[in-house]
Full PDB file with SEQRES, HELIX, SHEET, SSBOND, CRYST1, ORIGX, SCALE, CONECT and MASTER records, all heavy atoms in Angstrom:
SEQRES   1 A   32  TYR ALA GLU THR ARG VAL LEU GLU LYS ARG GLU SER LYS          
SEQRES   2 A   32  SER ARG PRO THR GLN GLY ILE VAL LYS LEU GLU HIS ILE          
SEQRES   3 A   32  ALA ARG ASN GLN HIS GLY                                      
SHEET    1 AA1 2 ALA A   2  GLU A  11  0                                        
SHEET    2 AA1 2 GLY A  19  ALA A  27 -1                                        
CRYST1    1.000    1.000    1.000  90.00  90.00  90.00 P 1           1          
ORIGX1      1.000000  0.000000  0.000000        0.00000                         
ORIGX2      0.000000  1.000000  0.000000        0.00000                         
ORIGX3      0.000000  0.000000  1.000000        0.00000                         
SCALE1      1.000000  0.000000  0.000000        0.00000                         
SCALE2      0.000000  1.000000  0.000000        0.00000                         
SCALE3      0.000000  0.000000  1.000000        0.00000                         
ATOM      1  N   TYR A   1     -11.130  -6.586  10.980  1.00  0.00           N  
ATOM      2  CA  TYR A   1     -10.321  -5.268  11.226  1.00  0.00           C  
ATOM      3  C   TYR A   1      -9.131  -5.266  10.280  1.00  0.00           C  
ATOM      4  O   TYR A   1      -8.522  -6.276  10.057  1.00  0.00           O  
ATOM      5  CB  TYR A   1      -9.810  -5.220  12.633  1.00  0.00           C  
ATOM      6  CG  TYR A   1     -10.985  -5.254  13.605  1.00  0.00           C  
ATOM      7  CD1 TYR A   1     -11.476  -6.432  14.134  1.00  0.00           C  
ATOM      8  CD2 TYR A   1     -11.714  -4.068  13.982  1.00  0.00           C  
ATOM      9  CE1 TYR A   1     -12.525  -6.526  15.056  1.00  0.00           C  
ATOM     10  CE2 TYR A   1     -12.845  -4.185  14.900  1.00  0.00           C  
ATOM     11  CZ  TYR A   1     -13.139  -5.325  15.394  1.00  0.00           C  
ATOM     12  OH  TYR A   1     -14.306  -5.482  16.241  1.00  0.00           O  
ATOM     13  N   ALA A   2      -8.850  -4.104   9.663  1.00  0.00           N  
ATOM     14  CA  ALA A   2      -7.915  -4.021   8.719  1.00  0.00           C  
ATOM     15  C   ALA A   2      -6.706  -3.110   9.018  1.00  0.00           C  
ATOM     16  O   ALA A   2      -6.914  -2.090   9.809  1.00  0.00           O  
ATOM     17  CB  ALA A   2      -8.453  -3.503   7.372  1.00  0.00           C  
ATOM     18  N   GLU A   3      -5.555  -3.432   8.417  1.00  0.00           N  
ATOM     19  CA  GLU A   3      -4.311  -2.537   8.610  1.00  0.00           C  
ATOM     20  C   GLU A   3      -3.571  -2.647   7.330  1.00  0.00           C  
ATOM     21  O   GLU A   3      -3.714  -3.618   6.554  1.00  0.00           O  
ATOM     22  CB  GLU A   3      -3.652  -2.848   9.744  1.00  0.00           C  
ATOM     23  CG  GLU A   3      -2.943  -4.278   9.731  1.00  0.00           C  
ATOM     24  CD  GLU A   3      -2.218  -4.823  11.025  1.00  0.00           C  
ATOM     25  OE1 GLU A   3      -2.742  -4.410  12.100  1.00  0.00           O  
ATOM     26  OE2 GLU A   3      -1.106  -5.343  10.814  1.00  0.00           O  
ATOM     27  N   THR A   4      -2.762  -1.636   7.032  1.00  0.00           N  
ATOM     28  CA  THR A   4      -2.000  -1.589   5.806  1.00  0.00           C  
ATOM     29  C   THR A   4      -0.651  -1.117   6.123  1.00  0.00           C  
ATOM     30  O   THR A   4      -0.307  -0.164   7.042  1.00  0.00           O  
ATOM     31  CB  THR A   4      -2.538  -0.575   4.814  1.00  0.00           C  
ATOM     32  OG1 THR A   4      -3.897  -1.067   4.511  1.00  0.00           O  
ATOM     33  CG2 THR A   4      -1.815  -0.544   3.568  1.00  0.00           C  
ATOM     34  N   ARG A   5       0.389  -1.715   5.463  1.00  0.00           N  
ATOM     35  CA  ARG A   5       1.819  -1.220   5.505  1.00  0.00           C  
ATOM     36  C   ARG A   5       2.184  -0.869   4.094  1.00  0.00           C  
ATOM     37  O   ARG A   5       1.733  -1.473   3.160  1.00  0.00           O  
ATOM     38  CB  ARG A   5       2.643  -2.370   6.006  1.00  0.00           C  
ATOM     39  CG  ARG A   5       2.553  -2.663   7.472  1.00  0.00           C  
ATOM     40  CD  ARG A   5       3.405  -3.861   7.923  1.00  0.00           C  
ATOM     41  NE  ARG A   5       3.294  -4.054   9.332  1.00  0.00           N  
ATOM     42  CZ  ARG A   5       2.148  -4.641   9.867  1.00  0.00           C  
ATOM     43  NH1 ARG A   5       1.137  -5.091   9.144  1.00  0.00           N  
ATOM     44  NH2 ARG A   5       2.107  -4.820  11.209  1.00  0.00           N  
ATOM     45  N   VAL A   6       2.901   0.140   4.008  1.00  0.00           N  
ATOM     46  CA  VAL A   6       3.566   0.601   2.612  1.00  0.00           C  
ATOM     47  C   VAL A   6       4.788  -0.268   2.539  1.00  0.00           C  
ATOM     48  O   VAL A   6       5.815   0.013   3.349  1.00  0.00           O  
ATOM     49  CB  VAL A   6       3.786   2.075   2.629  1.00  0.00           C  
ATOM     50  CG1 VAL A   6       4.433   2.422   1.302  1.00  0.00           C  
ATOM     51  CG2 VAL A   6       2.463   2.821   2.839  1.00  0.00           C  
ATOM     52  N   LEU A   7       4.900  -1.015   1.462  1.00  0.00           N  
ATOM     53  CA  LEU A   7       6.076  -1.929   1.289  1.00  0.00           C  
ATOM     54  C   LEU A   7       7.157  -1.083   0.443  1.00  0.00           C  
ATOM     55  O   LEU A   7       8.388  -1.151   0.713  1.00  0.00           O  
ATOM     56  CB  LEU A   7       5.743  -3.121   0.534  1.00  0.00           C  
ATOM     57  CG  LEU A   7       4.791  -4.112   1.260  1.00  0.00           C  
ATOM     58  CD1 LEU A   7       4.460  -5.301   0.353  1.00  0.00           C  
ATOM     59  CD2 LEU A   7       5.283  -4.503   2.638  1.00  0.00           C  
ATOM     60  N   GLU A   8       6.650  -0.333  -0.457  1.00  0.00           N  
ATOM     61  CA  GLU A   8       7.583   0.531  -1.239  1.00  0.00           C  
ATOM     62  C   GLU A   8       6.793   1.529  -1.980  1.00  0.00           C  
ATOM     63  O   GLU A   8       5.519   1.490  -2.136  1.00  0.00           O  
ATOM     64  CB  GLU A   8       8.353  -0.340  -2.145  1.00  0.00           C  
ATOM     65  CG  GLU A   8       7.679  -1.123  -3.167  1.00  0.00           C  
ATOM     66  CD  GLU A   8       8.496  -2.053  -4.048  1.00  0.00           C  
ATOM     67  OE1 GLU A   8       9.056  -3.036  -3.445  1.00  0.00           O  
ATOM     68  OE2 GLU A   8       8.473  -1.911  -5.239  1.00  0.00           O  
ATOM     69  N   LYS A   9       7.481   2.559  -2.500  1.00  0.00           N  
ATOM     70  CA  LYS A   9       6.861   3.584  -3.396  1.00  0.00           C  
ATOM     71  C   LYS A   9       7.826   4.211  -4.237  1.00  0.00           C  
ATOM     72  O   LYS A   9       9.042   4.214  -3.833  1.00  0.00           O  
ATOM     73  CB  LYS A   9       6.104   4.591  -2.402  1.00  0.00           C  
ATOM     74  CG  LYS A   9       7.056   5.541  -1.738  1.00  0.00           C  
ATOM     75  CD  LYS A   9       6.230   6.529  -0.809  1.00  0.00           C  
ATOM     76  CE  LYS A   9       6.845   7.845  -0.844  1.00  0.00           C  
ATOM     77  NZ  LYS A   9       6.172   8.804  -0.124  1.00  0.00           N  
ATOM     78  N   ARG A  10       7.474   4.562  -5.397  1.00  0.00           N  
ATOM     79  CA  ARG A  10       8.316   5.189  -6.417  1.00  0.00           C  
ATOM     80  C   ARG A  10       7.510   6.183  -7.373  1.00  0.00           C  
ATOM     81  O   ARG A  10       6.342   6.002  -7.550  1.00  0.00           O  
ATOM     82  CB  ARG A  10       9.008   4.205  -7.173  1.00  0.00           C  
ATOM     83  CG  ARG A  10       8.150   3.368  -8.150  1.00  0.00           C  
ATOM     84  CD  ARG A  10       9.006   2.530  -9.088  1.00  0.00           C  
ATOM     85  NE  ARG A  10       8.147   1.710  -9.964  1.00  0.00           N  
ATOM     86  CZ  ARG A  10       7.591   2.078 -11.072  1.00  0.00           C  
ATOM     87  NH1 ARG A  10       7.822   3.374 -11.528  1.00  0.00           N  
ATOM     88  NH2 ARG A  10       6.935   1.339 -11.928  1.00  0.00           N  
ATOM     89  N   GLU A  11       8.251   7.130  -7.740  1.00  0.00           N  
ATOM     90  CA  GLU A  11       7.568   8.151  -8.682  1.00  0.00           C  
ATOM     91  C   GLU A  11       7.342   7.382  -9.970  1.00  0.00           C  
ATOM     92  O   GLU A  11       8.129   6.499 -10.440  1.00  0.00           O  
ATOM     93  CB  GLU A  11       8.527   9.317  -8.897  1.00  0.00           C  
ATOM     94  CG  GLU A  11       8.648  10.106  -7.659  1.00  0.00           C  
ATOM     95  CD  GLU A  11       9.625  11.276  -7.902  1.00  0.00           C  
ATOM     96  OE1 GLU A  11       9.962  11.570  -8.950  1.00  0.00           O  
ATOM     97  OE2 GLU A  11       9.966  11.984  -6.894  1.00  0.00           O  
ATOM     98  N   SER A  12       6.285   7.716 -10.758  1.00  0.00           N  
ATOM     99  CA  SER A  12       6.022   7.096 -12.004  1.00  0.00           C  
ATOM    100  C   SER A  12       7.028   7.773 -12.947  1.00  0.00           C  
ATOM    101  O   SER A  12       7.178   8.996 -13.049  1.00  0.00           O  
ATOM    102  CB  SER A  12       4.613   7.413 -12.434  1.00  0.00           C  
ATOM    103  OG  SER A  12       4.356   7.037 -13.778  1.00  0.00           O  
ATOM    104  N   LYS A  13       7.607   6.836 -13.903  1.00  0.00           N  
ATOM    105  CA  LYS A  13       8.550   7.232 -14.935  1.00  0.00           C  
ATOM    106  C   LYS A  13       7.744   7.941 -16.038  1.00  0.00           C  
ATOM    107  O   LYS A  13       8.282   8.848 -16.686  1.00  0.00           O  
ATOM    108  CB  LYS A  13       9.312   6.063 -15.403  1.00  0.00           C  
ATOM    109  CG  LYS A  13      10.203   5.502 -14.259  1.00  0.00           C  
ATOM    110  CD  LYS A  13      11.071   4.325 -14.833  1.00  0.00           C  
ATOM    111  CE  LYS A  13      11.848   3.789 -13.763  1.00  0.00           C  
ATOM    112  NZ  LYS A  13      11.525   2.542 -13.275  1.00  0.00           N  
ATOM    113  N   SER A  14       6.504   7.516 -16.362  1.00  0.00           N  
ATOM    114  CA  SER A  14       5.845   8.015 -17.462  1.00  0.00           C  
ATOM    115  C   SER A  14       4.741   9.088 -17.074  1.00  0.00           C  
ATOM    116  O   SER A  14       4.219   9.763 -17.989  1.00  0.00           O  
ATOM    117  CB  SER A  14       5.153   6.852 -18.235  1.00  0.00           C  
ATOM    118  OG  SER A  14       4.227   6.128 -17.410  1.00  0.00           O  
ATOM    119  N   ARG A  15       4.467   9.169 -15.812  1.00  0.00           N  
ATOM    120  CA  ARG A  15       3.392  10.068 -15.357  1.00  0.00           C  
ATOM    121  C   ARG A  15       4.015  10.988 -14.315  1.00  0.00           C  
ATOM    122  O   ARG A  15       3.919  10.611 -13.191  1.00  0.00           O  
ATOM    123  CB  ARG A  15       2.139   9.281 -14.936  1.00  0.00           C  
ATOM    124  CG  ARG A  15       1.524   8.462 -15.947  1.00  0.00           C  
ATOM    125  CD  ARG A  15       0.425   7.574 -15.424  1.00  0.00           C  
ATOM    126  NE  ARG A  15      -0.312   6.966 -16.396  1.00  0.00           N  
ATOM    127  CZ  ARG A  15      -1.557   6.901 -16.564  1.00  0.00           C  
ATOM    128  NH1 ARG A  15      -2.330   7.730 -15.810  1.00  0.00           N  
ATOM    129  NH2 ARG A  15      -2.120   6.195 -17.577  1.00  0.00           N  
ATOM    130  N   PRO A  16       4.511  12.221 -14.592  1.00  0.00           N  
ATOM    131  CA  PRO A  16       5.086  12.971 -13.541  1.00  0.00           C  
ATOM    132  C   PRO A  16       4.322  13.546 -12.464  1.00  0.00           C  
ATOM    133  O   PRO A  16       4.801  13.804 -11.387  1.00  0.00           O  
ATOM    134  CB  PRO A  16       5.726  14.199 -14.374  1.00  0.00           C  
ATOM    135  CG  PRO A  16       4.943  14.147 -15.655  1.00  0.00           C  
ATOM    136  CD  PRO A  16       4.515  12.730 -15.903  1.00  0.00           C  
ATOM    137  N   THR A  17       2.968  13.454 -12.642  1.00  0.00           N  
ATOM    138  CA  THR A  17       2.046  13.892 -11.506  1.00  0.00           C  
ATOM    139  C   THR A  17       1.481  12.704 -10.754  1.00  0.00           C  
ATOM    140  O   THR A  17       0.617  12.967  -9.842  1.00  0.00           O  
ATOM    141  CB  THR A  17       0.877  14.633 -12.041  1.00  0.00           C  
ATOM    142  OG1 THR A  17       0.104  13.790 -13.000  1.00  0.00           O  
ATOM    143  CG2 THR A  17       1.255  15.863 -12.868  1.00  0.00           C  
ATOM    144  N   GLN A  18       2.179  11.554 -10.913  1.00  0.00           N  
ATOM    145  CA  GLN A  18       1.679  10.314 -10.171  1.00  0.00           C  
ATOM    146  C   GLN A  18       2.787   9.584  -9.660  1.00  0.00           C  
ATOM    147  O   GLN A  18       3.938   9.704 -10.052  1.00  0.00           O  
ATOM    148  CB  GLN A  18       0.799   9.504 -11.060  1.00  0.00           C  
ATOM    149  CG  GLN A  18      -0.463  10.365 -11.499  1.00  0.00           C  
ATOM    150  CD  GLN A  18      -1.148   9.699 -12.598  1.00  0.00           C  
ATOM    151  OE1 GLN A  18      -0.833   8.681 -13.157  1.00  0.00           O  
ATOM    152  NE2 GLN A  18      -2.303  10.465 -13.082  1.00  0.00           N  
ATOM    153  N   GLY A  19       2.515   8.592  -8.694  1.00  0.00           N  
ATOM    154  CA  GLY A  19       3.502   7.623  -8.180  1.00  0.00           C  
ATOM    155  C   GLY A  19       2.846   6.295  -7.921  1.00  0.00           C  
ATOM    156  O   GLY A  19       1.656   6.167  -7.805  1.00  0.00           O  
ATOM    157  N   ILE A  20       3.698   5.307  -7.765  1.00  0.00           N  
ATOM    158  CA  ILE A  20       3.183   4.014  -7.566  1.00  0.00           C  
ATOM    159  C   ILE A  20       3.611   3.547  -6.164  1.00  0.00           C  
ATOM    160  O   ILE A  20       4.743   3.631  -5.697  1.00  0.00           O  
ATOM    161  CB  ILE A  20       3.811   2.932  -8.609  1.00  0.00           C  
ATOM    162  CG1 ILE A  20       3.341   3.304 -10.046  1.00  0.00           C  
ATOM    163  CG2 ILE A  20       3.535   1.547  -8.262  1.00  0.00           C  
ATOM    164  CD1 ILE A  20       4.139   2.590 -11.070  1.00  0.00           C  
ATOM    165  N   VAL A  21       2.543   3.025  -5.470  1.00  0.00           N  
ATOM    166  CA  VAL A  21       2.693   2.649  -4.103  1.00  0.00           C  
ATOM    167  C   VAL A  21       2.281   1.165  -4.005  1.00  0.00           C  
ATOM    168  O   VAL A  21       1.272   0.784  -4.445  1.00  0.00           O  
ATOM    169  CB  VAL A  21       1.825   3.429  -3.145  1.00  0.00           C  
ATOM    170  CG1 VAL A  21       2.069   2.981  -1.682  1.00  0.00           C  
ATOM    171  CG2 VAL A  21       2.124   4.937  -3.232  1.00  0.00           C  
ATOM    172  N   LYS A  22       3.295   0.306  -3.311  1.00  0.00           N  
ATOM    173  CA  LYS A  22       2.827  -1.122  -3.088  1.00  0.00           C  
ATOM    174  C   LYS A  22       2.500  -1.192  -1.592  1.00  0.00           C  
ATOM    175  O   LYS A  22       3.177  -0.873  -0.690  1.00  0.00           O  
ATOM    176  CB  LYS A  22       4.177  -2.021  -3.403  1.00  0.00           C  
ATOM    177  CG  LYS A  22       3.799  -3.470  -3.246  1.00  0.00           C  
ATOM    178  CD  LYS A  22       4.973  -4.339  -3.534  1.00  0.00           C  
ATOM    179  CE  LYS A  22       4.942  -4.696  -5.044  1.00  0.00           C  
ATOM    180  NZ  LYS A  22       5.858  -5.812  -5.322  1.00  0.00           N  
ATOM    181  N   LEU A  23       1.263  -1.803  -1.507  1.00  0.00           N  
ATOM    182  CA  LEU A  23       0.580  -1.847   0.001  1.00  0.00           C  
ATOM    183  C   LEU A  23       0.470  -3.353   0.334  1.00  0.00           C  
ATOM    184  O   LEU A  23       0.153  -4.064  -0.441  1.00  0.00           O  
ATOM    185  CB  LEU A  23      -0.751  -1.224  -0.127  1.00  0.00           C  
ATOM    186  CG  LEU A  23      -0.860   0.218  -0.573  1.00  0.00           C  
ATOM    187  CD1 LEU A  23      -2.345   0.710  -0.928  1.00  0.00           C  
ATOM    188  CD2 LEU A  23      -0.264   1.176   0.333  1.00  0.00           C  
ATOM    189  N   GLU A  24       0.653  -3.572   1.564  1.00  0.00           N  
ATOM    190  CA  GLU A  24       0.332  -4.836   2.127  1.00  0.00           C  
ATOM    191  C   GLU A  24      -0.888  -4.669   3.088  1.00  0.00           C  
ATOM    192  O   GLU A  24      -0.814  -3.985   4.090  1.00  0.00           O  
ATOM    193  CB  GLU A  24       1.543  -5.469   2.804  1.00  0.00           C  
ATOM    194  CG  GLU A  24       1.210  -6.799   3.559  1.00  0.00           C  
ATOM    195  CD  GLU A  24       2.240  -7.308   4.525  1.00  0.00           C  
ATOM    196  OE1 GLU A  24       2.536  -6.559   5.477  1.00  0.00           O  
ATOM    197  OE2 GLU A  24       2.800  -8.296   4.226  1.00  0.00           O  
ATOM    198  N   HIS A  25      -2.051  -5.267   2.669  1.00  0.00           N  
ATOM    199  CA  HIS A  25      -3.295  -5.192   3.466  1.00  0.00           C  
ATOM    200  C   HIS A  25      -3.413  -6.448   4.239  1.00  0.00           C  
ATOM    201  O   HIS A  25      -3.205  -7.576   3.718  1.00  0.00           O  
ATOM    202  CB  HIS A  25      -4.458  -5.073   2.640  1.00  0.00           C  
ATOM    203  CG  HIS A  25      -4.507  -3.822   1.694  1.00  0.00           C  
ATOM    204  ND1 HIS A  25      -4.553  -2.471   2.262  1.00  0.00           N  
ATOM    205  CD2 HIS A  25      -4.487  -3.669   0.412  1.00  0.00           C  
ATOM    206  CE1 HIS A  25      -4.640  -1.677   1.301  1.00  0.00           C  
ATOM    207  NE2 HIS A  25      -4.589  -2.255   0.130  1.00  0.00           N  
ATOM    208  N   ILE A  26      -3.825  -6.310   5.561  1.00  0.00           N  
ATOM    209  CA  ILE A  26      -4.018  -7.502   6.368  1.00  0.00           C  
ATOM    210  C   ILE A  26      -5.370  -7.298   7.097  1.00  0.00           C  
ATOM    211  O   ILE A  26      -5.600  -6.227   7.655  1.00  0.00           O  
ATOM    212  CB  ILE A  26      -2.946  -7.733   7.408  1.00  0.00           C  
ATOM    213  CG1 ILE A  26      -1.549  -8.016   6.683  1.00  0.00           C  
ATOM    214  CG2 ILE A  26      -3.314  -8.857   8.372  1.00  0.00           C  
ATOM    215  CD1 ILE A  26      -0.436  -8.158   7.568  1.00  0.00           C  
ATOM    216  N   ALA A  27      -6.109  -8.361   7.115  1.00  0.00           N  
ATOM    217  CA  ALA A  27      -7.393  -8.266   7.876  1.00  0.00           C  
ATOM    218  C   ALA A  27      -7.335  -9.498   8.902  1.00  0.00           C  
ATOM    219  O   ALA A  27      -6.959 -10.530   8.739  1.00  0.00           O  
ATOM    220  CB  ALA A  27      -8.578  -8.455   6.949  1.00  0.00           C  
ATOM    221  N   ARG A  28      -7.797  -9.049  10.092  1.00  0.00           N  
ATOM    222  CA  ARG A  28      -7.890 -10.056  11.256  1.00  0.00           C  
ATOM    223  C   ARG A  28      -9.365 -10.079  11.743  1.00  0.00           C  
ATOM    224  O   ARG A  28     -10.033  -9.050  11.705  1.00  0.00           O  
ATOM    225  CB  ARG A  28      -7.043  -9.722  12.462  1.00  0.00           C  
ATOM    226  CG  ARG A  28      -5.439  -9.733  12.095  1.00  0.00           C  
ATOM    227  CD  ARG A  28      -4.665  -9.278  13.413  1.00  0.00           C  
ATOM    228  NE  ARG A  28      -3.310  -9.679  13.087  1.00  0.00           N  
ATOM    229  CZ  ARG A  28      -2.479  -8.893  12.505  1.00  0.00           C  
ATOM    230  NH1 ARG A  28      -2.831  -7.778  11.949  1.00  0.00           N  
ATOM    231  NH2 ARG A  28      -1.161  -9.379  12.283  1.00  0.00           N  
ATOM    232  N   ASN A  29      -9.766 -11.268  12.289  1.00  0.00           N  
ATOM    233  CA  ASN A  29     -11.113 -11.322  12.830  1.00  0.00           C  
ATOM    234  C   ASN A  29     -11.069 -10.839  14.190  1.00  0.00           C  
ATOM    235  O   ASN A  29     -10.008 -10.408  14.709  1.00  0.00           O  
ATOM    236  CB  ASN A  29     -11.704 -12.746  12.639  1.00  0.00           C  
ATOM    237  CG  ASN A  29     -10.830 -13.813  13.510  1.00  0.00           C  
ATOM    238  OD1 ASN A  29     -10.066 -13.490  14.312  1.00  0.00           O  
ATOM    239  ND2 ASN A  29     -11.061 -15.044  13.132  1.00  0.00           N  
ATOM    240  N   GLN A  30     -12.145 -10.933  14.832  1.00  0.00           N  
ATOM    241  CA  GLN A  30     -12.350 -10.450  16.283  1.00  0.00           C  
ATOM    242  C   GLN A  30     -11.487 -11.114  17.255  1.00  0.00           C  
ATOM    243  O   GLN A  30     -11.221 -10.741  18.280  1.00  0.00           O  
ATOM    244  CB  GLN A  30     -13.727 -10.481  16.697  1.00  0.00           C  
ATOM    245  CG  GLN A  30     -14.374 -11.880  16.881  1.00  0.00           C  
ATOM    246  CD  GLN A  30     -14.936 -12.374  15.587  1.00  0.00           C  
ATOM    247  OE1 GLN A  30     -14.594 -11.973  14.452  1.00  0.00           O  
ATOM    248  NE2 GLN A  30     -15.723 -13.445  15.654  1.00  0.00           N  
ATOM    249  N   HIS A  31     -10.986 -12.408  16.847  1.00  0.00           N  
ATOM    250  CA  HIS A  31     -10.017 -13.147  17.690  1.00  0.00           C  
ATOM    251  C   HIS A  31      -8.572 -12.832  17.474  1.00  0.00           C  
ATOM    252  O   HIS A  31      -7.667 -13.386  18.103  1.00  0.00           O  
ATOM    253  CB  HIS A  31     -10.246 -14.677  17.503  1.00  0.00           C  
ATOM    254  CG  HIS A  31     -11.654 -14.973  17.727  1.00  0.00           C  
ATOM    255  ND1 HIS A  31     -12.390 -14.874  18.860  1.00  0.00           N  
ATOM    256  CD2 HIS A  31     -12.653 -15.530  16.798  1.00  0.00           C  
ATOM    257  CE1 HIS A  31     -13.587 -15.252  18.802  1.00  0.00           C  
ATOM    258  NE2 HIS A  31     -13.819 -15.637  17.574  1.00  0.00           N  
ATOM    259  N   GLY A  32      -8.249 -11.955  16.381  1.00  0.00           N  
ATOM    260  CA  GLY A  32      -6.903 -11.627  15.981  1.00  0.00           C  
ATOM    261  C   GLY A  32      -6.343 -12.493  15.027  1.00  0.00           C  
ATOM    262  O   GLY A  32      -5.135 -12.370  14.637  1.00  0.00           O  
TER     263      GLY A  32                                                      
MASTER        0    0    0    0    2    0    0    6  262    1    0    3          
END                                                                             
């Protein structure tokens, strides 16, 4: 089972129509 947290995000300096997001993904088994 998976979950995600957004650690940070910022607008792209070189691409005005895009942004950079840093994600922390965690997977746990059926026992947690």
